[in-house]
């Protein structure tokens, strides 16, 4: 009986895992609504899909860390350089990179779909 319960538990767990499908809209909306940062990059490290941006706040100079583990930034990791200022405002999909001579706007991309901010979000 104990083994039957264990077997059924494993079957239910595995079947439940297989039914959930990744939803880009939910994921990108969570990133848009829940994340914000403003960081001057001092060091970048990659461990698997997790990217660590070590740096400091431009307004306070306090050390800070931005960790991104979804894999989204892995594809564009070469875009980020030490000395860049990374800005992500709550309510926006994009990440802005400020450099001495340029400002880059990186749109959120998920499964080939580009998520753009509305004009209201950019104000």
N, C-alpha and C. Protein backbone atom coordinates (compact mmCIF):
# COMPACT_ATOMS: atom_id res chain seq x y z
N UNK A 1 0.83 -1.19 0.00
CA UNK A 1 0.00 0.00 0.00
C UNK A 1 0.87 1.26 0.00
N UNK A 2 1.94 1.22 0.80
CA UNK A 2 2.85 2.35 0.88
C UNK A 2 3.47 2.64 -0.49
N UNK A 3 3.85 1.59 -1.21
CA UNK A 3 4.47 1.76 -2.53
C UNK A 3 3.46 2.25 -3.56
N UNK A 4 2.21 1.82 -3.44
CA UNK A 4 1.17 2.28 -4.35
C UNK A 4 0.95 3.78 -4.16
N UNK A 5 0.92 4.23 -2.91
CA UNK A 5 0.75 5.66 -2.63
C UNK A 5 1.93 6.46 -3.20
N UNK A 6 3.14 5.95 -3.00
CA UNK A 6 4.33 6.62 -3.51
C UNK A 6 4.30 6.67 -5.03
N UNK A 7 3.94 5.57 -5.67
CA UNK A 7 3.85 5.52 -7.13
C UNK A 7 2.81 6.51 -7.64
N UNK A 8 1.62 6.51 -7.05
CA UNK A 8 0.56 7.44 -7.48
C UNK A 8 0.97 8.89 -7.25
N UNK A 9 1.65 9.16 -6.16
CA UNK A 9 2.13 10.52 -5.89
C UNK A 9 3.11 10.98 -6.96
N UNK A 10 4.01 10.09 -7.34
CA UNK A 10 4.99 10.43 -8.38
C UNK A 10 4.29 10.65 -9.72
N UNK A 11 3.35 9.78 -10.06
CA UNK A 11 2.62 9.91 -11.32
C UNK A 11 1.86 11.23 -11.36
N UNK A 12 1.17 11.58 -10.28
CA UNK A 12 0.42 12.84 -10.22
C UNK A 12 1.36 14.04 -10.32
N UNK A 13 2.49 13.97 -9.64
CA UNK A 13 3.45 15.07 -9.69
C UNK A 13 3.99 15.27 -11.10
N UNK A 14 4.40 14.19 -11.73
CA UNK A 14 4.96 14.27 -13.08
C UNK A 14 3.91 14.75 -14.08
N UNK A 15 2.69 14.25 -13.97
CA UNK A 15 1.65 14.67 -14.91
C UNK A 15 1.27 16.13 -14.69
N UNK A 16 1.29 16.60 -13.45
CA UNK A 16 0.98 18.01 -13.18
C UNK A 16 2.07 18.91 -13.73
N UNK A 17 3.31 18.47 -13.67
CA UNK A 17 4.41 19.27 -14.20
C UNK A 17 4.31 19.41 -15.71
N UNK A 18 3.84 18.39 -16.37
CA UNK A 18 3.77 18.41 -17.82
C UNK A 18 2.63 19.25 -18.37
N UNK A 19 1.64 19.55 -17.55
CA UNK A 19 0.48 20.28 -18.06
C UNK A 19 0.68 21.78 -18.05
N UNK A 20 1.57 22.27 -17.21
CA UNK A 20 1.75 23.72 -17.16
C UNK A 20 2.60 24.17 -18.34
N UNK A 21 2.16 25.22 -18.99
CA UNK A 21 2.87 25.75 -20.14
C UNK A 21 3.40 27.13 -19.79
N UNK A 22 4.61 27.41 -20.19
CA UNK A 22 5.20 28.72 -19.96
C UNK A 22 4.37 29.77 -20.68
N UNK A 23 4.06 30.85 -20.00
CA UNK A 23 3.24 31.91 -20.56
C UNK A 23 4.06 33.20 -20.63
N UNK A 24 4.46 33.59 -21.84
CA UNK A 24 5.27 34.79 -22.02
C UNK A 24 4.59 36.03 -21.48
N UNK A 25 3.31 36.16 -21.71
CA UNK A 25 2.59 37.36 -21.28
C UNK A 25 2.64 37.50 -19.76
N UNK A 26 2.41 36.41 -19.02
CA UNK A 26 2.48 36.46 -17.56
C UNK A 26 3.90 36.81 -17.10
N UNK A 27 4.89 36.17 -17.73
CA UNK A 27 6.27 36.39 -17.34
C UNK A 27 6.71 37.83 -17.61
N UNK A 28 6.41 38.34 -18.80
CA UNK A 28 6.82 39.71 -19.14
C UNK A 28 6.06 40.74 -18.32
N UNK A 29 4.79 40.48 -18.04
CA UNK A 29 4.03 41.40 -17.19
C UNK A 29 4.59 41.43 -15.77
N UNK A 30 5.02 40.28 -15.27
CA UNK A 30 5.64 40.23 -13.94
C UNK A 30 6.94 41.03 -13.93
N UNK A 31 7.75 40.88 -14.97
CA UNK A 31 8.99 41.65 -15.07
C UNK A 31 8.68 43.14 -15.13
N UNK A 32 7.69 43.51 -15.92
CA UNK A 32 7.30 44.92 -16.07
C UNK A 32 6.82 45.50 -14.75
N UNK A 33 5.97 44.78 -14.06
CA UNK A 33 5.30 45.33 -12.88
C UNK A 33 6.09 45.20 -11.58
N UNK A 34 7.03 44.26 -11.50
CA UNK A 34 7.68 43.97 -10.22
C UNK A 34 9.16 44.32 -10.13
N UNK A 35 9.79 44.66 -11.23
CA UNK A 35 11.22 44.92 -11.20
C UNK A 35 11.53 46.38 -11.50
N UNK A 36 12.48 46.91 -10.71
CA UNK A 36 13.04 48.23 -11.01
C UNK A 36 14.47 48.24 -10.47
N UNK A 37 15.35 48.93 -11.18
CA UNK A 37 16.72 49.09 -10.71
C UNK A 37 17.36 50.26 -11.43
N UNK A 38 18.41 50.77 -10.82
CA UNK A 38 19.23 51.86 -11.36
C UNK A 38 20.63 51.60 -10.83
N UNK A 39 21.53 51.15 -11.68
CA UNK A 39 22.81 50.62 -11.24
C UNK A 39 23.92 50.96 -12.22
N UNK A 40 25.04 51.46 -11.71
CA UNK A 40 26.25 51.62 -12.52
C UNK A 40 27.02 50.31 -12.38
N UNK A 41 27.27 49.63 -13.49
CA UNK A 41 27.89 48.30 -13.46
C UNK A 41 29.38 48.40 -13.16
N UNK A 42 29.80 47.66 -12.12
CA UNK A 42 31.22 47.53 -11.79
C UNK A 42 31.77 46.17 -12.22
N UNK A 43 30.89 45.16 -12.25
CA UNK A 43 31.33 43.79 -12.55
C UNK A 43 30.12 42.99 -13.02
N UNK A 44 30.35 42.10 -13.99
CA UNK A 44 29.30 41.23 -14.51
C UNK A 44 29.78 39.78 -14.39
N UNK A 45 28.94 38.93 -13.82
CA UNK A 45 29.26 37.50 -13.74
C UNK A 45 28.09 36.69 -14.27
N UNK A 46 28.42 35.57 -14.90
CA UNK A 46 27.39 34.66 -15.40
C UNK A 46 27.63 33.29 -14.78
N UNK A 47 26.58 32.75 -14.18
CA UNK A 47 26.61 31.40 -13.61
C UNK A 47 25.39 30.66 -14.15
N UNK A 48 25.58 29.85 -15.19
CA UNK A 48 24.45 29.21 -15.86
C UNK A 48 23.62 30.26 -16.56
N UNK A 49 22.32 30.26 -16.29
CA UNK A 49 21.46 31.29 -16.90
C UNK A 49 21.37 32.53 -16.03
N UNK A 50 21.93 32.48 -14.83
CA UNK A 50 21.84 33.62 -13.91
C UNK A 50 22.96 34.61 -14.19
N UNK A 51 22.56 35.88 -14.38
CA UNK A 51 23.52 36.96 -14.61
C UNK A 51 23.52 37.85 -13.37
N UNK A 52 24.72 38.16 -12.87
CA UNK A 52 24.87 39.05 -11.72
C UNK A 52 25.50 40.35 -12.19
N UNK A 53 24.80 41.44 -11.98
CA UNK A 53 25.33 42.77 -12.27
C UNK A 53 25.66 43.41 -10.92
N UNK A 54 26.96 43.50 -10.62
CA UNK A 54 27.40 44.15 -9.39
C UNK A 54 27.70 45.60 -9.71
N UNK A 55 27.34 46.48 -8.80
CA UNK A 55 27.61 47.88 -9.05
C UNK A 55 27.20 48.76 -7.89
N UNK A 56 26.85 50.00 -8.24
CA UNK A 56 26.48 50.97 -7.21
C UNK A 56 25.37 51.87 -7.73
N UNK A 57 24.64 52.40 -6.80
CA UNK A 57 23.55 53.31 -7.13
C UNK A 57 24.13 54.64 -7.59
N UNK A 58 23.64 55.20 -8.70
CA UNK A 58 24.14 56.51 -9.15
C UNK A 58 23.82 57.64 -8.18
N UNK A 59 22.73 57.51 -7.44
CA UNK A 59 22.32 58.60 -6.55
C UNK A 59 22.97 58.54 -5.17
N UNK A 60 23.28 57.32 -4.68
CA UNK A 60 23.83 57.20 -3.33
C UNK A 60 25.24 56.62 -3.29
N UNK A 61 25.71 56.05 -4.38
CA UNK A 61 27.00 55.35 -4.48
C UNK A 61 27.06 54.09 -3.61
N UNK A 62 25.94 53.66 -3.05
CA UNK A 62 25.92 52.43 -2.26
C UNK A 62 26.02 51.23 -3.20
N UNK A 63 26.74 50.19 -2.73
CA UNK A 63 26.87 48.97 -3.52
C UNK A 63 25.51 48.31 -3.68
N UNK A 64 25.31 47.73 -4.86
CA UNK A 64 24.04 47.09 -5.16
C UNK A 64 24.28 45.91 -6.08
N UNK A 65 23.29 45.06 -6.20
CA UNK A 65 23.36 43.87 -7.04
C UNK A 65 22.03 43.71 -7.75
N UNK A 66 22.09 43.49 -9.05
CA UNK A 66 20.91 43.11 -9.83
C UNK A 66 21.17 41.70 -10.34
N UNK A 67 20.27 40.79 -10.00
CA UNK A 67 20.40 39.40 -10.41
C UNK A 67 19.26 39.08 -11.37
N UNK A 68 19.59 38.54 -12.53
CA UNK A 68 18.58 38.22 -13.54
C UNK A 68 18.75 36.75 -13.87
N UNK A 69 17.74 35.94 -13.57
CA UNK A 69 17.87 34.51 -13.73
C UNK A 69 16.93 33.86 -14.71
N UNK A 70 16.27 34.65 -15.52
CA UNK A 70 15.30 34.07 -16.45
C UNK A 70 15.94 33.59 -17.74
N UNK A 71 17.17 34.01 -18.00
CA UNK A 71 17.85 33.64 -19.24
C UNK A 71 17.68 34.67 -20.34
N UNK A 72 16.77 35.62 -20.12
CA UNK A 72 16.49 36.64 -21.14
C UNK A 72 17.74 37.46 -21.47
N UNK A 73 18.49 37.87 -20.45
CA UNK A 73 19.67 38.70 -20.70
C UNK A 73 20.87 37.89 -21.18
N UNK A 74 20.83 36.57 -21.04
CA UNK A 74 21.95 35.74 -21.51
C UNK A 74 22.20 35.93 -23.00
N UNK A 75 21.13 36.05 -23.76
CA UNK A 75 21.25 36.19 -25.22
C UNK A 75 21.85 37.52 -25.62
N UNK A 76 21.76 38.52 -24.76
CA UNK A 76 22.26 39.86 -25.09
C UNK A 76 23.35 40.31 -24.12
N UNK A 77 23.99 39.35 -23.46
CA UNK A 77 24.98 39.67 -22.42
C UNK A 77 26.10 40.56 -22.93
N UNK A 78 26.54 40.37 -24.17
CA UNK A 78 27.63 41.17 -24.72
C UNK A 78 27.26 42.65 -24.87
N UNK A 79 25.98 42.96 -24.77
CA UNK A 79 25.53 44.35 -24.86
C UNK A 79 25.93 45.15 -23.63
N UNK A 80 26.02 44.51 -22.49
CA UNK A 80 26.30 45.18 -21.22
C UNK A 80 27.80 45.30 -20.99
N UNK A 81 28.24 46.48 -20.55
CA UNK A 81 29.66 46.75 -20.31
C UNK A 81 29.85 47.36 -18.92
N UNK A 82 31.02 47.10 -18.33
CA UNK A 82 31.37 47.76 -17.08
C UNK A 82 31.37 49.27 -17.33
N UNK A 83 30.76 50.01 -16.41
CA UNK A 83 30.63 51.46 -16.56
C UNK A 83 29.27 51.90 -17.07
N UNK A 84 28.51 50.97 -17.67
CA UNK A 84 27.15 51.28 -18.11
C UNK A 84 26.26 51.53 -16.91
N UNK A 85 25.27 52.37 -17.09
CA UNK A 85 24.21 52.54 -16.09
C UNK A 85 22.99 51.79 -16.61
N UNK A 86 22.53 50.81 -15.83
CA UNK A 86 21.33 50.04 -16.17
C UNK A 86 20.14 50.65 -15.47
N UNK A 87 19.09 50.92 -16.24
CA UNK A 87 17.88 51.51 -15.66
C UNK A 87 16.68 50.67 -16.10
N UNK A 88 15.93 50.21 -15.13
CA UNK A 88 14.66 49.52 -15.39
C UNK A 88 13.63 50.15 -14.46
N UNK A 89 12.65 50.82 -15.06
CA UNK A 89 11.59 51.46 -14.28
C UNK A 89 10.42 50.50 -14.12
N UNK A 90 9.83 50.52 -12.93
CA UNK A 90 8.63 49.71 -12.71
C UNK A 90 7.54 50.21 -13.65
N UNK A 91 6.84 49.28 -14.29
CA UNK A 91 5.78 49.64 -15.23
C UNK A 91 6.25 49.68 -16.67
N UNK A 92 7.54 49.40 -16.90
CA UNK A 92 8.08 49.37 -18.26
C UNK A 92 8.70 48.00 -18.54
N UNK A 93 8.61 47.59 -19.78
CA UNK A 93 9.24 46.34 -20.21
C UNK A 93 10.74 46.53 -20.46
N UNK A 94 11.13 47.66 -20.99
CA UNK A 94 12.49 47.85 -21.50
C UNK A 94 13.51 48.08 -20.38
N UNK A 95 14.75 47.79 -20.73
CA UNK A 95 15.91 48.16 -19.92
C UNK A 95 16.65 49.22 -20.71
N UNK A 96 17.02 50.30 -20.04
CA UNK A 96 17.79 51.37 -20.67
C UNK A 96 19.24 51.27 -20.22
N UNK A 97 20.15 51.39 -21.17
CA UNK A 97 21.59 51.40 -20.88
C UNK A 97 22.10 52.79 -21.23
N UNK A 98 22.66 53.47 -20.23
CA UNK A 98 23.25 54.78 -20.47
C UNK A 98 24.77 54.64 -20.48
N UNK A 99 25.37 55.18 -21.53
CA UNK A 99 26.83 55.22 -21.66
C UNK A 99 27.26 56.66 -21.84
N UNK A 100 28.56 56.89 -21.84
CA UNK A 100 29.06 58.26 -22.01
C UNK A 100 28.56 58.90 -23.29
N UNK A 101 28.52 58.14 -24.36
CA UNK A 101 28.17 58.72 -25.66
C UNK A 101 26.93 58.12 -26.30
N UNK A 102 26.15 57.35 -25.54
CA UNK A 102 24.97 56.71 -26.14
C UNK A 102 23.96 56.30 -25.08
N UNK A 103 22.73 56.19 -25.51
CA UNK A 103 21.66 55.63 -24.70
C UNK A 103 21.01 54.52 -25.52
N UNK A 104 21.01 53.31 -24.98
CA UNK A 104 20.42 52.17 -25.67
C UNK A 104 19.14 51.75 -24.94
N UNK A 105 18.14 51.42 -25.71
CA UNK A 105 16.89 50.92 -25.14
C UNK A 105 16.72 49.47 -25.58
N UNK A 106 16.70 48.55 -24.62
CA UNK A 106 16.62 47.12 -24.91
C UNK A 106 15.19 46.66 -24.64
N UNK A 107 14.46 46.27 -25.68
CA UNK A 107 13.08 45.82 -25.46
C UNK A 107 13.04 44.40 -24.88
N UNK A 108 11.98 44.10 -24.19
CA UNK A 108 11.75 42.75 -23.66
C UNK A 108 11.32 41.85 -24.82
N UNK A 109 11.96 40.70 -24.94
CA UNK A 109 11.63 39.74 -26.00
C UNK A 109 11.38 38.38 -25.35
N UNK A 110 10.29 37.75 -25.74
CA UNK A 110 9.99 36.40 -25.23
C UNK A 110 9.40 35.58 -26.36
N UNK A 111 10.05 34.47 -26.66
CA UNK A 111 9.64 33.56 -27.73
C UNK A 111 9.39 34.31 -29.04
N UNK A 112 10.29 35.25 -29.35
CA UNK A 112 10.24 35.98 -30.60
C UNK A 112 9.30 37.18 -30.62
N UNK A 113 8.54 37.38 -29.56
CA UNK A 113 7.61 38.51 -29.48
C UNK A 113 8.29 39.65 -28.74
N UNK A 114 8.26 40.85 -29.34
CA UNK A 114 8.83 42.04 -28.70
C UNK A 114 7.73 42.75 -27.93
N UNK A 115 7.97 42.95 -26.64
CA UNK A 115 7.01 43.64 -25.78
C UNK A 115 7.46 45.09 -25.64
N UNK A 116 6.62 45.99 -26.13
CA UNK A 116 6.95 47.42 -26.11
C UNK A 116 6.11 48.13 -25.07
N UNK A 117 6.69 49.19 -24.52
CA UNK A 117 5.98 50.01 -23.55
C UNK A 117 4.98 50.90 -24.26
N UNK A 118 3.87 51.15 -23.61
CA UNK A 118 2.90 52.11 -24.16
C UNK A 118 3.45 53.51 -23.95
N UNK A 119 2.92 54.48 -24.67
CA UNK A 119 3.37 55.86 -24.50
C UNK A 119 3.11 56.35 -23.09
N UNK A 120 2.04 55.91 -22.47
CA UNK A 120 1.72 56.33 -21.10
C UNK A 120 2.79 55.83 -20.12
N UNK A 121 3.33 54.64 -20.34
CA UNK A 121 4.35 54.09 -19.45
C UNK A 121 5.67 54.82 -19.58
N UNK A 122 5.93 55.46 -20.71
CA UNK A 122 7.21 56.10 -20.95
C UNK A 122 7.30 57.50 -20.36
N UNK A 123 6.21 58.03 -19.88
CA UNK A 123 6.21 59.40 -19.32
C UNK A 123 6.66 59.40 -17.90
